[in-house]
Amino acid sequence: MEIAKPTEADKEQFKSLLAGLPGIDIKPMFGNLGAFVNGNMFAGLFGSTIGLRLSDEDREALTSSSETLPFGPAGRPMAGYVGLPVQDPGAKIEPWVARALEHVATLPPKAPKAPKKKS
């Protein structure tokens, strides 16, 4: 499976869309980036696509009002996420980023994984 890689411009745009949001962590993931709240990913960058984990209602509203993309590897998109081109105008994406953060912040915090035992 081929993993799409973002350009430096895509990474900078992703970070700028998330700038100033409280309580989030941005972490590298498989050559891409993920944005987390309470250990749960609410936004991710896969190649040049930003994926947002929205409520069912918000996901339906976005897909019916905008052209969206699958988020994740070809043939295996991530369920529950909807994608937009990361280079779309910030004014178009930022409200959806805020809704994704608001939605995922209501989920139970993800417990940290236990460290692997050394053999």
N, C-alpha and C. Protein backbone atom coordinates (compact mmCIF):
# COMPACT_ATOMS: atom_id res chain seq x y z
N MET A 1 0.85 -1.18 0.00
CA MET A 1 0.00 0.00 0.00
C MET A 1 0.90 1.24 0.00
N GLU A 2 0.62 2.12 -0.91
CA GLU A 2 1.42 3.34 -1.03
C GLU A 2 0.82 4.43 -0.15
N ILE A 3 1.69 5.07 0.63
CA ILE A 3 1.27 6.15 1.52
C ILE A 3 1.57 7.48 0.83
N ALA A 4 0.53 8.30 0.63
CA ALA A 4 0.70 9.62 0.03
C ALA A 4 1.49 10.51 0.97
N LYS A 5 2.40 11.29 0.43
CA LYS A 5 3.22 12.19 1.23
C LYS A 5 2.82 13.64 0.95
N PRO A 6 2.68 14.44 2.00
CA PRO A 6 2.37 15.85 1.79
C PRO A 6 3.62 16.65 1.44
N THR A 7 3.42 17.76 0.77
CA THR A 7 4.51 18.69 0.52
C THR A 7 4.72 19.52 1.78
N GLU A 8 5.81 20.23 1.84
CA GLU A 8 6.05 21.14 2.98
C GLU A 8 4.95 22.20 3.03
N ALA A 9 4.50 22.67 1.87
CA ALA A 9 3.41 23.66 1.82
C ALA A 9 2.13 23.08 2.39
N ASP A 10 1.85 21.80 2.10
CA ASP A 10 0.65 21.15 2.66
C ASP A 10 0.75 21.08 4.18
N LYS A 11 1.94 20.70 4.69
CA LYS A 11 2.13 20.62 6.15
C LYS A 11 1.95 21.98 6.81
N GLU A 12 2.51 23.01 6.20
CA GLU A 12 2.38 24.35 6.77
C GLU A 12 0.92 24.82 6.75
N GLN A 13 0.21 24.53 5.66
CA GLN A 13 -1.21 24.91 5.58
C GLN A 13 -2.02 24.18 6.65
N PHE A 14 -1.76 22.88 6.83
CA PHE A 14 -2.44 22.09 7.85
C PHE A 14 -2.22 22.72 9.23
N LYS A 15 -0.97 23.02 9.54
CA LYS A 15 -0.65 23.61 10.85
C LYS A 15 -1.31 24.98 11.01
N SER A 16 -1.36 25.77 9.94
CA SER A 16 -1.97 27.09 10.05
C SER A 16 -3.48 27.00 10.27
N LEU A 17 -4.12 25.97 9.71
CA LEU A 17 -5.56 25.78 9.92
C LEU A 17 -5.88 25.43 11.37
N LEU A 18 -4.89 24.86 12.07
CA LEU A 18 -5.09 24.42 13.45
C LEU A 18 -4.51 25.40 14.47
N ALA A 19 -3.81 26.42 13.99
CA ALA A 19 -3.16 27.37 14.88
C ALA A 19 -4.17 28.02 15.83
N GLY A 20 -3.82 28.04 17.08
CA GLY A 20 -4.66 28.71 18.07
C GLY A 20 -5.77 27.86 18.66
N LEU A 21 -5.93 26.63 18.19
CA LEU A 21 -6.96 25.78 18.78
C LEU A 21 -6.47 25.26 20.14
N PRO A 22 -7.29 25.34 21.16
CA PRO A 22 -6.83 24.95 22.50
C PRO A 22 -6.78 23.44 22.70
N GLY A 23 -5.79 22.99 23.46
CA GLY A 23 -5.73 21.61 23.93
C GLY A 23 -5.47 20.56 22.89
N ILE A 24 -4.82 20.92 21.78
CA ILE A 24 -4.58 19.92 20.74
C ILE A 24 -3.10 19.58 20.66
N ASP A 25 -2.82 18.41 20.11
CA ASP A 25 -1.46 17.98 19.83
C ASP A 25 -1.39 17.62 18.35
N ILE A 26 -0.34 18.08 17.69
CA ILE A 26 -0.08 17.71 16.30
C ILE A 26 1.12 16.78 16.31
N LYS A 27 0.94 15.59 15.72
CA LYS A 27 1.99 14.58 15.74
C LYS A 27 2.21 14.03 14.34
N PRO A 28 3.47 13.64 14.05
CA PRO A 28 3.72 12.97 12.77
C PRO A 28 3.12 11.57 12.78
N MET A 29 2.59 11.17 11.63
CA MET A 29 1.99 9.84 11.47
C MET A 29 2.29 9.32 10.07
N PHE A 30 3.15 8.33 9.97
CA PHE A 30 3.44 7.67 8.71
C PHE A 30 3.82 8.67 7.61
N GLY A 31 4.62 9.67 7.96
CA GLY A 31 5.03 10.67 6.99
C GLY A 31 4.02 11.78 6.77
N ASN A 32 2.90 11.71 7.45
CA ASN A 32 1.86 12.72 7.38
C ASN A 32 1.71 13.35 8.76
N LEU A 33 0.60 14.02 9.02
CA LEU A 33 0.38 14.65 10.32
C LEU A 33 -1.01 14.30 10.83
N GLY A 34 -1.15 14.25 12.15
CA GLY A 34 -2.45 14.06 12.79
C GLY A 34 -2.62 15.08 13.89
N ALA A 35 -3.84 15.54 14.09
CA ALA A 35 -4.17 16.47 15.16
C ALA A 35 -5.10 15.76 16.14
N PHE A 36 -4.76 15.83 17.43
CA PHE A 36 -5.43 15.05 18.45
C PHE A 36 -5.95 15.93 19.58
N VAL A 37 -7.06 15.50 20.15
CA VAL A 37 -7.58 16.08 21.38
C VAL A 37 -7.92 14.92 22.30
N ASN A 38 -7.45 14.96 23.51
CA ASN A 38 -7.65 13.88 24.48
C ASN A 38 -7.22 12.52 23.93
N GLY A 39 -6.19 12.52 23.09
CA GLY A 39 -5.68 11.27 22.53
C GLY A 39 -6.43 10.76 21.31
N ASN A 40 -7.50 11.42 20.91
CA ASN A 40 -8.30 11.01 19.75
C ASN A 40 -8.02 11.95 18.58
N MET A 41 -7.81 11.38 17.39
CA MET A 41 -7.55 12.20 16.21
C MET A 41 -8.85 12.84 15.70
N PHE A 42 -8.80 14.16 15.50
CA PHE A 42 -9.96 14.85 14.95
C PHE A 42 -9.68 15.38 13.55
N ALA A 43 -8.40 15.51 13.19
CA ALA A 43 -8.03 15.96 11.86
C ALA A 43 -6.71 15.32 11.48
N GLY A 44 -6.55 15.04 10.21
CA GLY A 44 -5.31 14.45 9.75
C GLY A 44 -4.97 14.97 8.37
N LEU A 45 -3.70 14.83 8.04
CA LEU A 45 -3.22 15.20 6.72
C LEU A 45 -2.72 13.94 6.05
N PHE A 46 -3.24 13.64 4.89
CA PHE A 46 -2.82 12.48 4.11
C PHE A 46 -2.54 12.97 2.71
N GLY A 47 -1.26 13.11 2.37
CA GLY A 47 -0.92 13.72 1.09
C GLY A 47 -1.38 15.16 1.10
N SER A 48 -2.20 15.54 0.14
CA SER A 48 -2.71 16.91 0.08
C SER A 48 -4.17 17.00 0.52
N THR A 49 -4.63 16.00 1.28
CA THR A 49 -6.02 15.98 1.76
C THR A 49 -6.05 16.11 3.27
N ILE A 50 -6.89 17.03 3.75
CA ILE A 50 -7.14 17.11 5.18
C ILE A 50 -8.40 16.30 5.46
N GLY A 51 -8.31 15.40 6.42
CA GLY A 51 -9.45 14.58 6.80
C GLY A 51 -9.98 15.04 8.14
N LEU A 52 -11.29 15.15 8.25
CA LEU A 52 -11.93 15.63 9.46
C LEU A 52 -12.91 14.59 9.98
N ARG A 53 -12.82 14.32 11.27
CA ARG A 53 -13.74 13.38 11.91
C ARG A 53 -14.92 14.19 12.45
N LEU A 54 -16.01 14.12 11.72
CA LEU A 54 -17.19 14.92 12.04
C LEU A 54 -18.31 14.03 12.56
N SER A 55 -19.26 14.65 13.23
CA SER A 55 -20.47 13.93 13.62
C SER A 55 -21.18 13.50 12.34
N ASP A 56 -22.07 12.53 12.45
CA ASP A 56 -22.81 12.07 11.27
C ASP A 56 -23.56 13.23 10.61
N GLU A 57 -24.16 14.07 11.43
CA GLU A 57 -24.93 15.20 10.92
C GLU A 57 -24.04 16.20 10.17
N ASP A 58 -22.90 16.55 10.77
CA ASP A 58 -21.98 17.49 10.12
C ASP A 58 -21.35 16.88 8.86
N ARG A 59 -21.03 15.60 8.90
CA ARG A 59 -20.45 14.93 7.73
C ARG A 59 -21.44 14.99 6.56
N GLU A 60 -22.70 14.73 6.86
CA GLU A 60 -23.74 14.80 5.82
C GLU A 60 -23.87 16.22 5.28
N ALA A 61 -23.83 17.22 6.17
CA ALA A 61 -23.94 18.62 5.74
C ALA A 61 -22.77 19.00 4.84
N LEU A 62 -21.57 18.58 5.20
CA LEU A 62 -20.40 18.92 4.39
C LEU A 62 -20.43 18.22 3.04
N THR A 63 -20.73 16.93 3.02
CA THR A 63 -20.73 16.20 1.75
C THR A 63 -21.85 16.66 0.82
N SER A 64 -22.94 17.19 1.38
CA SER A 64 -24.02 17.66 0.51
C SER A 64 -23.80 19.09 0.03
N SER A 65 -22.88 19.83 0.67
CA SER A 65 -22.66 21.23 0.28
C SER A 65 -21.34 21.47 -0.44
N SER A 66 -20.42 20.52 -0.40
CA SER A 66 -19.10 20.69 -1.00
C SER A 66 -18.65 19.39 -1.66
N GLU A 67 -17.74 19.53 -2.60
CA GLU A 67 -17.13 18.34 -3.17
C GLU A 67 -16.08 17.86 -2.17
N THR A 68 -16.21 16.62 -1.74
CA THR A 68 -15.30 16.06 -0.75
C THR A 68 -14.50 14.91 -1.34
N LEU A 69 -13.50 14.48 -0.58
CA LEU A 69 -12.60 13.43 -1.02
C LEU A 69 -12.58 12.31 0.00
N PRO A 70 -12.24 11.09 -0.41
CA PRO A 70 -12.00 10.05 0.59
C PRO A 70 -10.72 10.41 1.35
N PHE A 71 -10.63 9.99 2.59
CA PHE A 71 -9.44 10.29 3.41
C PHE A 71 -8.76 8.99 3.79
N GLY A 72 -7.53 8.84 3.34
CA GLY A 72 -6.75 7.66 3.66
C GLY A 72 -6.24 7.00 2.40
N PRO A 73 -5.63 5.83 2.57
CA PRO A 73 -5.06 5.12 1.41
C PRO A 73 -6.14 4.76 0.39
N ALA A 74 -5.74 4.73 -0.87
CA ALA A 74 -6.66 4.36 -1.95
C ALA A 74 -7.24 2.98 -1.66
N GLY A 75 -8.54 2.86 -1.79
CA GLY A 75 -9.21 1.59 -1.56
C GLY A 75 -9.49 1.29 -0.09
N ARG A 76 -8.92 2.07 0.83
CA ARG A 76 -9.13 1.84 2.26
C ARG A 76 -9.32 3.16 3.00
N PRO A 77 -10.30 3.97 2.59
CA PRO A 77 -10.49 5.25 3.28
C PRO A 77 -10.88 5.03 4.74
N MET A 78 -10.52 5.99 5.57
CA MET A 78 -10.83 5.90 7.00
C MET A 78 -12.31 6.21 7.23
N ALA A 79 -12.99 5.30 7.87
CA ALA A 79 -14.41 5.49 8.18
C ALA A 79 -14.57 6.64 9.17
N GLY A 80 -15.62 7.40 8.97
CA GLY A 80 -15.93 8.49 9.89
C GLY A 80 -15.23 9.80 9.56
N TYR A 81 -14.35 9.78 8.56
CA TYR A 81 -13.63 10.99 8.16
C TYR A 81 -14.08 11.41 6.77
N VAL A 82 -14.06 12.71 6.55
CA VAL A 82 -14.35 13.26 5.24
C VAL A 82 -13.16 14.14 4.86
N GLY A 83 -12.78 14.13 3.59
CA GLY A 83 -11.59 14.86 3.16
C GLY A 83 -11.90 16.07 2.31
N LEU A 84 -11.02 17.05 2.44
CA LEU A 84 -11.04 18.26 1.62
C LEU A 84 -9.61 18.54 1.18
N PRO A 85 -9.42 19.19 0.03
CA PRO A 85 -8.06 19.59 -0.34
C PRO A 85 -7.52 20.57 0.71
N VAL A 86 -6.35 20.27 1.26
CA VAL A 86 -5.80 21.10 2.33
C VAL A 86 -5.50 22.52 1.84
N GLN A 87 -5.29 22.69 0.54
CA GLN A 87 -4.99 24.01 0.02
C GLN A 87 -6.24 24.83 -0.33
N ASP A 88 -7.44 24.28 -0.04
CA ASP A 88 -8.65 25.09 -0.18
C ASP A 88 -8.53 26.30 0.73
N PRO A 89 -9.28 27.36 0.46
CA PRO A 89 -9.19 28.55 1.33
C PRO A 89 -9.51 28.20 2.79
N GLY A 90 -8.73 28.77 3.68
CA GLY A 90 -8.91 28.53 5.11
C GLY A 90 -10.32 28.84 5.58
N ALA A 91 -10.92 29.88 5.01
CA ALA A 91 -12.28 30.26 5.42
C ALA A 91 -13.28 29.16 5.13
N LYS A 92 -12.99 28.31 4.15
CA LYS A 92 -13.87 27.18 3.83
C LYS A 92 -13.64 26.02 4.81
N ILE A 93 -12.38 25.79 5.18
CA ILE A 93 -12.03 24.62 5.99
C ILE A 93 -12.14 24.87 7.49
N GLU A 94 -11.75 26.05 7.96
CA GLU A 94 -11.66 26.31 9.40
C GLU A 94 -12.95 26.04 10.18
N PRO A 95 -14.13 26.40 9.66
CA PRO A 95 -15.34 26.08 10.44
C PRO A 95 -15.53 24.57 10.62
N TRP A 96 -15.13 23.78 9.62
CA TRP A 96 -15.27 22.33 9.72
C TRP A 96 -14.22 21.75 10.67
N VAL A 97 -13.04 22.35 10.70
CA VAL A 97 -12.01 21.94 11.67
C VAL A 97 -12.54 22.15 13.08
N ALA A 98 -13.15 23.32 13.31
CA ALA A 98 -13.71 23.62 14.64
C ALA A 98 -14.81 22.63 15.01
N ARG A 99 -15.64 22.26 14.05
CA ARG A 99 -16.71 21.28 14.33
C ARG A 99 -16.13 19.90 14.63
N ALA A 100 -15.07 19.52 13.91
CA ALA A 100 -14.43 18.23 14.16
C ALA A 100 -13.83 18.21 15.56
N LEU A 101 -13.14 19.28 15.94
CA LEU A 101 -12.56 19.37 17.28
C LEU A 101 -13.66 19.30 18.34
N GLU A 102 -14.73 20.05 18.14
CA GLU A 102 -15.84 20.05 19.10
C GLU A 102 -16.44 18.65 19.25
N HIS A 103 -16.62 17.96 18.14
CA HIS A 103 -17.20 16.62 18.16
C HIS A 103 -16.28 15.63 18.87
N VAL A 104 -15.03 15.58 18.49
CA VAL A 104 -14.10 14.59 19.04
C VAL A 104 -13.79 14.89 20.51
N ALA A 105 -13.84 16.15 20.91
CA ALA A 105 -13.60 16.50 22.31
C ALA A 105 -14.66 15.91 23.24
N THR A 106 -15.82 15.54 22.68
CA THR A 106 -16.88 14.95 23.51
C THR A 106 -16.67 13.45 23.72
N LEU A 107 -15.76 12.84 22.96
CA LEU A 107 -15.51 11.41 23.08
C LEU A 107 -14.67 11.13 24.32
N PRO A 108 -14.77 9.92 24.87
CA PRO A 108 -13.95 9.59 26.04
C PRO A 108 -12.47 9.68 25.68
N PRO A 109 -11.65 10.16 26.62
CA PRO A 109 -10.21 10.23 26.34
C PRO A 109 -9.65 8.84 26.04
N LYS A 110 -8.73 8.80 25.10
CA LYS A 110 -8.09 7.55 24.74
C LYS A 110 -6.99 7.26 25.75
N ALA A 111 -7.01 6.06 26.28
CA ALA A 111 -5.98 5.68 27.25
C ALA A 111 -4.65 5.51 26.53
N PRO A 112 -3.55 6.00 27.12
CA PRO A 112 -2.26 5.81 26.49
C PRO A 112 -1.90 4.33 26.43
N LYS A 113 -1.22 3.96 25.36
CA LYS A 113 -0.79 2.56 25.22
C LYS A 113 0.30 2.26 26.23
N ALA A 114 0.26 1.06 26.77
CA ALA A 114 1.30 0.64 27.70
C ALA A 114 2.60 0.47 26.93
N PRO A 115 3.73 0.83 27.55
CA PRO A 115 5.00 0.65 26.85
C PRO A 115 5.26 -0.82 26.58
N LYS A 116 5.91 -1.08 25.44
CA LYS A 116 6.22 -2.47 25.08
C LYS A 116 7.29 -3.00 26.03
N LYS A 117 7.10 -4.25 26.44
CA LYS A 117 8.09 -4.89 27.30
C LYS A 117 9.28 -5.32 26.46
N LYS A 118 10.46 -5.10 27.02
CA LYS A 118 11.68 -5.53 26.33
C LYS A 118 11.89 -7.01 26.61
N SER A 119 12.26 -7.72 25.56
CA SER A 119 12.47 -9.17 25.69
C SER A 119 13.81 -9.48 26.29
